[in-house]
Amino acid sequence: MTVRSALDAAIAEGITPGGVCEVSVAGEVTDSVASGVQATVDDHGEALGADERAAVTAETRYDLASITKLFSAVTLLRLVDAGTLDLDVSI
């Protein structure tokens, strides 16, 4: 599966309206993909018409704060599961 096919499949399945992905190996960009639209609803949750939807470009940026919170929580819980971190110890 290519990066483009994975992104296009996610868009087709309704997982995301669009996305940007750049793959680098040893500092060299090997693939860059932008596909879909930036949003399908406005700030109030109302559906945007097809003419109101902005296409995703290579310059489109996303806020990843919510994703990093999930990653941090999973990492901490793995440390707890491994016995490296104890949630019941106060410091």
N, C-alpha and C. Protein backbone atom coordinates (compact mmCIF):
# COMPACT_ATOMS: atom_id res chain seq x y z
N MET A 1 0.85 -1.18 0.00
CA MET A 1 0.00 0.00 0.00
C MET A 1 0.89 1.24 0.00
N THR A 2 0.57 2.19 -0.84
CA THR A 2 1.33 3.44 -0.89
C THR A 2 0.75 4.44 0.09
N VAL A 3 1.49 5.49 0.36
CA VAL A 3 1.01 6.56 1.23
C VAL A 3 -0.26 7.16 0.63
N ARG A 4 -0.24 7.43 -0.67
CA ARG A 4 -1.42 8.01 -1.32
C ARG A 4 -2.62 7.09 -1.22
N SER A 5 -2.44 5.80 -1.46
CA SER A 5 -3.59 4.90 -1.41
C SER A 5 -4.15 4.79 0.02
N ALA A 6 -3.27 4.83 1.03
CA ALA A 6 -3.73 4.79 2.42
C ALA A 6 -4.52 6.05 2.75
N LEU A 7 -4.02 7.21 2.33
CA LEU A 7 -4.71 8.47 2.59
C LEU A 7 -6.03 8.52 1.83
N ASP A 8 -6.02 8.14 0.56
CA ASP A 8 -7.25 8.14 -0.23
C ASP A 8 -8.29 7.17 0.34
N ALA A 9 -7.85 6.03 0.86
CA ALA A 9 -8.77 5.07 1.48
C ALA A 9 -9.39 5.67 2.74
N ALA A 10 -8.58 6.36 3.55
CA ALA A 10 -9.10 7.00 4.76
C ALA A 10 -10.13 8.07 4.41
N ILE A 11 -9.89 8.81 3.35
CA ILE A 11 -10.85 9.83 2.90
C ILE A 11 -12.13 9.16 2.41
N ALA A 12 -11.99 8.13 1.59
CA ALA A 12 -13.16 7.42 1.05
C ALA A 12 -14.01 6.78 2.15
N GLU A 13 -13.37 6.32 3.22
CA GLU A 13 -14.08 5.69 4.33
C GLU A 13 -14.65 6.70 5.32
N GLY A 14 -14.38 7.99 5.11
CA GLY A 14 -14.90 9.01 6.00
C GLY A 14 -14.12 9.17 7.29
N ILE A 15 -12.93 8.62 7.36
CA ILE A 15 -12.10 8.74 8.56
C ILE A 15 -11.58 10.16 8.70
N THR A 16 -11.26 10.78 7.60
CA THR A 16 -10.77 12.16 7.56
C THR A 16 -11.20 12.79 6.25
N PRO A 17 -11.43 14.10 6.24
CA PRO A 17 -11.79 14.73 4.97
C PRO A 17 -10.57 14.95 4.06
N GLY A 18 -9.37 14.93 4.63
CA GLY A 18 -8.16 15.13 3.85
C GLY A 18 -6.94 15.02 4.72
N GLY A 19 -5.78 15.09 4.11
CA GLY A 19 -4.56 15.00 4.89
C GLY A 19 -3.33 15.28 4.06
N VAL A 20 -2.22 15.48 4.76
CA VAL A 20 -0.93 15.73 4.15
C VAL A 20 0.06 14.79 4.82
N CYS A 21 0.92 14.18 4.02
CA CYS A 21 1.94 13.30 4.58
C CYS A 21 3.23 13.48 3.79
N GLU A 22 4.31 13.65 4.51
CA GLU A 22 5.62 13.71 3.86
C GLU A 22 6.48 12.64 4.51
N VAL A 23 7.09 11.81 3.70
CA VAL A 23 7.94 10.73 4.17
C VAL A 23 9.38 11.11 3.89
N SER A 24 10.22 11.04 4.93
CA SER A 24 11.64 11.34 4.78
C SER A 24 12.46 10.16 5.28
N VAL A 25 13.52 9.85 4.57
CA VAL A 25 14.45 8.81 4.98
C VAL A 25 15.84 9.43 4.99
N ALA A 26 16.46 9.41 6.16
CA ALA A 26 17.80 9.99 6.33
C ALA A 26 17.83 11.44 5.87
N GLY A 27 16.77 12.17 6.15
CA GLY A 27 16.70 13.59 5.81
C GLY A 27 16.30 13.89 4.38
N GLU A 28 16.10 12.88 3.58
CA GLU A 28 15.71 13.07 2.18
C GLU A 28 14.23 12.76 2.02
N VAL A 29 13.47 13.69 1.45
CA VAL A 29 12.05 13.47 1.20
C VAL A 29 11.91 12.41 0.11
N THR A 30 11.20 11.32 0.45
CA THR A 30 11.00 10.25 -0.53
C THR A 30 9.59 10.26 -1.11
N ASP A 31 8.65 10.87 -0.40
CA ASP A 31 7.28 10.93 -0.89
C ASP A 31 6.57 12.09 -0.21
N SER A 32 5.71 12.76 -0.94
CA SER A 32 4.91 13.86 -0.39
C SER A 32 3.52 13.76 -1.02
N VAL A 33 2.50 13.70 -0.16
CA VAL A 33 1.14 13.50 -0.64
C VAL A 33 0.21 14.48 0.06
N ALA A 34 -0.68 15.11 -0.70
CA ALA A 34 -1.74 15.96 -0.17
C ALA A 34 -3.01 15.57 -0.91
N SER A 35 -4.08 15.32 -0.18
CA SER A 35 -5.31 14.87 -0.82
C SER A 35 -6.52 15.26 0.01
N GLY A 36 -7.64 15.48 -0.64
CA GLY A 36 -8.89 15.77 0.04
C GLY A 36 -9.11 17.24 0.31
N VAL A 37 -9.99 17.52 1.26
CA VAL A 37 -10.33 18.89 1.64
C VAL A 37 -9.98 19.11 3.11
N GLN A 38 -9.82 20.39 3.48
CA GLN A 38 -9.43 20.72 4.85
C GLN A 38 -10.56 20.48 5.85
N ALA A 39 -11.79 20.68 5.44
CA ALA A 39 -12.93 20.50 6.35
C ALA A 39 -14.20 20.31 5.55
N THR A 40 -15.14 19.59 6.14
CA THR A 40 -16.45 19.41 5.51
C THR A 40 -17.55 20.12 6.29
N VAL A 41 -17.20 20.64 7.47
CA VAL A 41 -18.15 21.41 8.29
C VAL A 41 -17.47 22.69 8.75
N ASP A 42 -18.27 23.71 9.08
CA ASP A 42 -17.70 24.96 9.55
C ASP A 42 -17.48 24.91 11.06
N ASP A 43 -17.09 26.02 11.65
CA ASP A 43 -16.80 26.09 13.10
C ASP A 43 -18.02 25.80 13.97
N HIS A 44 -19.22 25.84 13.39
CA HIS A 44 -20.45 25.59 14.14
C HIS A 44 -21.03 24.22 13.84
N GLY A 45 -20.29 23.41 13.08
CA GLY A 45 -20.74 22.07 12.77
C GLY A 45 -21.69 21.98 11.59
N GLU A 46 -21.90 23.10 10.91
CA GLU A 46 -22.77 23.12 9.73
C GLU A 46 -22.00 22.63 8.51
N ALA A 47 -22.65 21.83 7.68
CA ALA A 47 -22.01 21.29 6.49
C ALA A 47 -21.61 22.40 5.53
N LEU A 48 -20.41 22.30 5.00
CA LEU A 48 -19.93 23.23 3.99
C LEU A 48 -20.35 22.71 2.61
N GLY A 49 -20.75 23.63 1.75
CA GLY A 49 -21.05 23.25 0.37
C GLY A 49 -19.76 22.91 -0.36
N ALA A 50 -19.88 22.18 -1.45
CA ALA A 50 -18.70 21.77 -2.21
C ALA A 50 -17.85 22.97 -2.62
N ASP A 51 -18.48 24.09 -2.94
CA ASP A 51 -17.74 25.28 -3.36
C ASP A 51 -17.09 26.02 -2.19
N GLU A 52 -17.43 25.66 -0.96
CA GLU A 52 -16.86 26.30 0.23
C GLU A 52 -15.70 25.50 0.83
N ARG A 53 -15.48 24.31 0.34
CA ARG A 53 -14.45 23.43 0.90
C ARG A 53 -13.09 23.75 0.28
N ALA A 54 -12.12 24.01 1.14
CA ALA A 54 -10.76 24.32 0.68
C ALA A 54 -9.98 23.03 0.48
N ALA A 55 -9.34 22.89 -0.66
CA ALA A 55 -8.53 21.71 -0.94
C ALA A 55 -7.30 21.67 -0.05
N VAL A 56 -6.87 20.48 0.28
CA VAL A 56 -5.62 20.29 1.02
C VAL A 56 -4.47 20.47 0.04
N THR A 57 -3.44 21.19 0.49
CA THR A 57 -2.22 21.35 -0.31
C THR A 57 -1.03 20.92 0.55
N ALA A 58 0.13 20.87 -0.05
CA ALA A 58 1.34 20.52 0.69
C ALA A 58 1.62 21.52 1.81
N GLU A 59 1.07 22.73 1.71
CA GLU A 59 1.29 23.76 2.73
C GLU A 59 0.24 23.73 3.84
N THR A 60 -0.77 22.88 3.73
CA THR A 60 -1.81 22.78 4.76
C THR A 60 -1.18 22.24 6.05
N ARG A 61 -1.47 22.91 7.16
CA ARG A 61 -0.94 22.50 8.46
C ARG A 61 -2.11 22.10 9.37
N TYR A 62 -1.86 21.11 10.21
CA TYR A 62 -2.87 20.61 11.14
C TYR A 62 -2.37 20.74 12.57
N ASP A 63 -3.30 20.94 13.50
CA ASP A 63 -2.99 20.99 14.92
C ASP A 63 -3.02 19.56 15.44
N LEU A 64 -1.89 19.07 15.91
CA LEU A 64 -1.80 17.68 16.35
C LEU A 64 -1.87 17.53 17.87
N ALA A 65 -2.29 18.57 18.58
CA ALA A 65 -2.30 18.52 20.05
C ALA A 65 -3.12 17.35 20.58
N SER A 66 -4.29 17.12 20.03
CA SER A 66 -5.14 16.03 20.53
C SER A 66 -4.51 14.67 20.28
N ILE A 67 -3.81 14.52 19.17
CA ILE A 67 -3.16 13.25 18.87
C ILE A 67 -2.01 13.01 19.84
N THR A 68 -1.24 14.05 20.17
CA THR A 68 -0.12 13.87 21.07
C THR A 68 -0.60 13.53 22.49
N LYS A 69 -1.76 14.04 22.88
CA LYS A 69 -2.30 13.69 24.20
C LYS A 69 -2.60 12.19 24.27
N LEU A 70 -3.20 11.66 23.23
CA LEU A 70 -3.52 10.23 23.17
C LEU A 70 -2.24 9.41 23.21
N PHE A 71 -1.25 9.80 22.41
CA PHE A 71 0.03 9.09 22.38
C PHE A 71 0.68 9.10 23.76
N SER A 72 0.66 10.25 24.44
CA SER A 72 1.26 10.35 25.78
C SER A 72 0.55 9.45 26.77
N ALA A 73 -0.78 9.43 26.72
CA ALA A 73 -1.55 8.59 27.64
C ALA A 73 -1.24 7.11 27.42
N VAL A 74 -1.20 6.67 26.18
CA VAL A 74 -0.89 5.27 25.88
C VAL A 74 0.53 4.93 26.34
N THR A 75 1.48 5.82 26.11
CA THR A 75 2.86 5.59 26.53
C THR A 75 2.95 5.46 28.04
N LEU A 76 2.29 6.36 28.76
CA LEU A 76 2.32 6.30 30.23
C LEU A 76 1.67 5.02 30.74
N LEU A 77 0.56 4.62 30.15
CA LEU A 77 -0.10 3.39 30.60
C LEU A 77 0.74 2.15 30.28
N ARG A 78 1.51 2.18 29.20
CA ARG A 78 2.42 1.07 28.91
C ARG A 78 3.53 1.00 29.96
N LEU A 79 4.01 2.17 30.41
CA LEU A 79 5.02 2.20 31.47
C LEU A 79 4.45 1.65 32.77
N VAL A 80 3.20 1.96 33.06
CA VAL A 80 2.54 1.42 34.24
C VAL A 80 2.43 -0.10 34.12
N ASP A 81 1.98 -0.56 32.96
CA ASP A 81 1.82 -2.00 32.72
C ASP A 81 3.15 -2.74 32.85
N ALA A 82 4.24 -2.10 32.43
CA ALA A 82 5.57 -2.72 32.50
C ALA A 82 6.17 -2.65 33.90
N GLY A 83 5.52 -1.91 34.81
CA GLY A 83 6.04 -1.77 36.17
C GLY A 83 7.08 -0.68 36.31
N THR A 84 7.30 0.10 35.28
CA THR A 84 8.29 1.17 35.30
C THR A 84 7.75 2.40 36.02
N LEU A 85 6.46 2.59 35.94
CA LEU A 85 5.80 3.76 36.53
C LEU A 85 4.68 3.27 37.44
N ASP A 86 4.58 3.87 38.62
CA ASP A 86 3.52 3.52 39.57
C ASP A 86 2.64 4.73 39.79
N LEU A 87 1.39 4.66 39.41
CA LEU A 87 0.48 5.80 39.54
C LEU A 87 0.07 6.07 40.98
N ASP A 88 0.29 5.12 41.89
CA ASP A 88 -0.13 5.28 43.27
C ASP A 88 0.95 5.92 44.16
N VAL A 89 2.13 6.19 43.62
CA VAL A 89 3.20 6.78 44.40
C VAL A 89 3.16 8.30 44.23
N SER A 90 3.10 9.01 45.36
CA SER A 90 3.11 10.48 45.28
C SER A 90 4.55 10.97 45.38
N ILE A 91 4.79 12.08 44.74
CA ILE A 91 6.14 12.64 44.79
C ILE A 91 6.11 14.05 45.33
